[in-house]
Amino acid sequence: MAEARAVAAAIVQTAPHLRLTELAKFLGRDISALGKAAQRIAGDVNARRLVSDLVDSMQTEGYKYPKL
């Protein structure tokens, strides 16, 4: 579950209209913990590739980011 939160935090950081504070409220987690998790993901080449692929596929498919 922690990895999923980290990936979600990394995705939120790439979306200009989403905020990490809103994700933290939605998940009931501390914003600093989510920020650190996103940084950890950014340091992992495989995880960074996963986040990039997810964001690319959402943009390609015309996915509209939900407002939290």
C-alpha atoms as a PDB file:
ATOM      1  CA  MET A   1       0.000   0.000   0.000  1.00  0.00           C
ATOM      2  CA  ALA A   2       2.871   2.382   0.719  1.00  0.00           C
ATOM      3  CA  GLU A   3       4.176   1.972  -2.822  1.00  0.00           C
ATOM      4  CA  ALA A   4       0.748   2.777  -4.245  1.00  0.00           C
ATOM      5  CA  ARG A   5       0.615   5.971  -2.171  1.00  0.00           C
ATOM      6  CA  ALA A   6       4.106   6.886  -3.346  1.00  0.00           C
ATOM      7  CA  VAL A   7       3.129   6.383  -6.991  1.00  0.00           C
ATOM      8  CA  ALA A   8      -0.060   8.415  -6.463  1.00  0.00           C
ATOM      9  CA  ALA A   9       1.972  11.214  -4.871  1.00  0.00           C
ATOM     10  CA  ALA A  10       4.428  11.192  -7.773  1.00  0.00           C
ATOM     11  CA  ILE A  11       1.560  11.356 -10.278  1.00  0.00           C
ATOM     12  CA  VAL A  12      -0.074  14.225  -8.377  1.00  0.00           C
ATOM     13  CA  GLN A  13       3.199  16.129  -8.505  1.00  0.00           C
ATOM     14  CA  THR A  14       3.194  15.890 -12.303  1.00  0.00           C
ATOM     15  CA  ALA A  15      -0.375  17.205 -12.663  1.00  0.00           C
ATOM     16  CA  PRO A  16      -0.515  21.007 -12.534  1.00  0.00           C
ATOM     17  CA  HIS A  17      -4.070  21.145 -11.203  1.00  0.00           C
ATOM     18  CA  LEU A  18      -3.684  18.539  -8.442  1.00  0.00           C
ATOM     19  CA  ARG A  19      -2.199  19.281  -5.035  1.00  0.00           C
ATOM     20  CA  LEU A  20      -0.327  17.011  -2.691  1.00  0.00           C
ATOM     21  CA  THR A  21      -2.212  18.562   0.227  1.00  0.00           C
ATOM     22  CA  GLU A  22      -5.502  17.354  -1.251  1.00  0.00           C
ATOM     23  CA  LEU A  23      -4.121  13.854  -1.758  1.00  0.00           C
ATOM     24  CA  ALA A  24      -2.896  13.849   1.837  1.00  0.00           C
ATOM     25  CA  LYS A  25      -6.369  14.798   3.071  1.00  0.00           C
ATOM     26  CA  PHE A  26      -8.007  12.203   0.834  1.00  0.00           C
ATOM     27  CA  LEU A  27      -5.687   9.432   2.045  1.00  0.00           C
ATOM     28  CA  GLY A  28      -5.585  10.617   5.644  1.00  0.00           C
ATOM     29  CA  ARG A  29      -1.803  10.865   5.527  1.00  0.00           C
ATOM     30  CA  ASP A  30       0.780  13.460   6.406  1.00  0.00           C
ATOM     31  CA  ILE A  31       1.799  15.630   3.453  1.00  0.00           C
ATOM     32  CA  SER A  32       5.500  15.440   4.304  1.00  0.00           C
ATOM     33  CA  ALA A  33       5.370  11.639   4.284  1.00  0.00           C
ATOM     34  CA  LEU A  34       3.751  11.690   0.839  1.00  0.00           C
ATOM     35  CA  GLY A  35       6.344  14.161  -0.416  1.00  0.00           C
ATOM     36  CA  LYS A  36       9.169  11.952   0.824  1.00  0.00           C
ATOM     37  CA  ALA A  37       7.529   8.909  -0.747  1.00  0.00           C
ATOM     38  CA  ALA A  38       7.301  10.720  -4.086  1.00  0.00           C
ATOM     39  CA  GLN A  39      10.985  11.647  -3.808  1.00  0.00           C
ATOM     40  CA  ARG A  40      11.841   8.025  -3.061  1.00  0.00           C
ATOM     41  CA  ILE A  41       9.965   6.938  -6.179  1.00  0.00           C
ATOM     42  CA  ALA A  42      11.774   9.599  -8.212  1.00  0.00           C
ATOM     43  CA  GLY A  43      15.072   8.074  -7.113  1.00  0.00           C
ATOM     44  CA  ASP A  44      14.070   4.579  -8.229  1.00  0.00           C
ATOM     45  CA  VAL A  45      14.592   4.188 -11.978  1.00  0.00           C
ATOM     46  CA  ASN A  46      12.003   1.421 -12.400  1.00  0.00           C
ATOM     47  CA  ALA A  47       9.372   3.218 -10.337  1.00  0.00           C
ATOM     48  CA  ARG A  48      10.078   6.484 -12.144  1.00  0.00           C
ATOM     49  CA  ARG A  49       9.526   4.690 -15.451  1.00  0.00           C
ATOM     50  CA  LEU A  50       6.233   3.281 -14.126  1.00  0.00           C
ATOM     51  CA  VAL A  51       5.002   6.733 -13.089  1.00  0.00           C
ATOM     52  CA  SER A  52       6.049   8.191 -16.425  1.00  0.00           C
ATOM     53  CA  ASP A  53       4.256   5.429 -18.331  1.00  0.00           C
ATOM     54  CA  LEU A  54       1.099   5.870 -16.247  1.00  0.00           C
ATOM     55  CA  VAL A  55       1.030   9.628 -16.781  1.00  0.00           C
ATOM     56  CA  ASP A  56       1.728   9.225 -20.508  1.00  0.00           C
ATOM     57  CA  SER A  57      -1.049   6.674 -20.920  1.00  0.00           C
ATOM     58  CA  MET A  58      -3.522   8.862 -19.018  1.00  0.00           C
ATOM     59  CA  GLN A  59      -2.671  11.831 -21.230  1.00  0.00           C
ATOM     60  CA  THR A  60      -2.789   9.759 -24.424  1.00  0.00           C
ATOM     61  CA  GLU A  61      -6.178   8.298 -23.580  1.00  0.00           C
ATOM     62  CA  GLY A  62      -7.566  11.727 -22.776  1.00  0.00           C
ATOM     63  CA  TYR A  63      -7.975  10.845 -19.121  1.00  0.00           C
ATOM     64  CA  LYS A  64      -9.311  13.725 -17.095  1.00  0.00           C
ATOM     65  CA  TYR A  65      -7.699  13.967 -13.703  1.00  0.00           C
ATOM     66  CA  PRO A  66     -10.391  13.958 -11.023  1.00  0.00           C
ATOM     67  CA  LYS A  67     -10.654  16.855  -8.664  1.00  0.00           C
ATOM     68  CA  LEU A  68     -10.044  15.592  -5.145  1.00  0.00           C
END
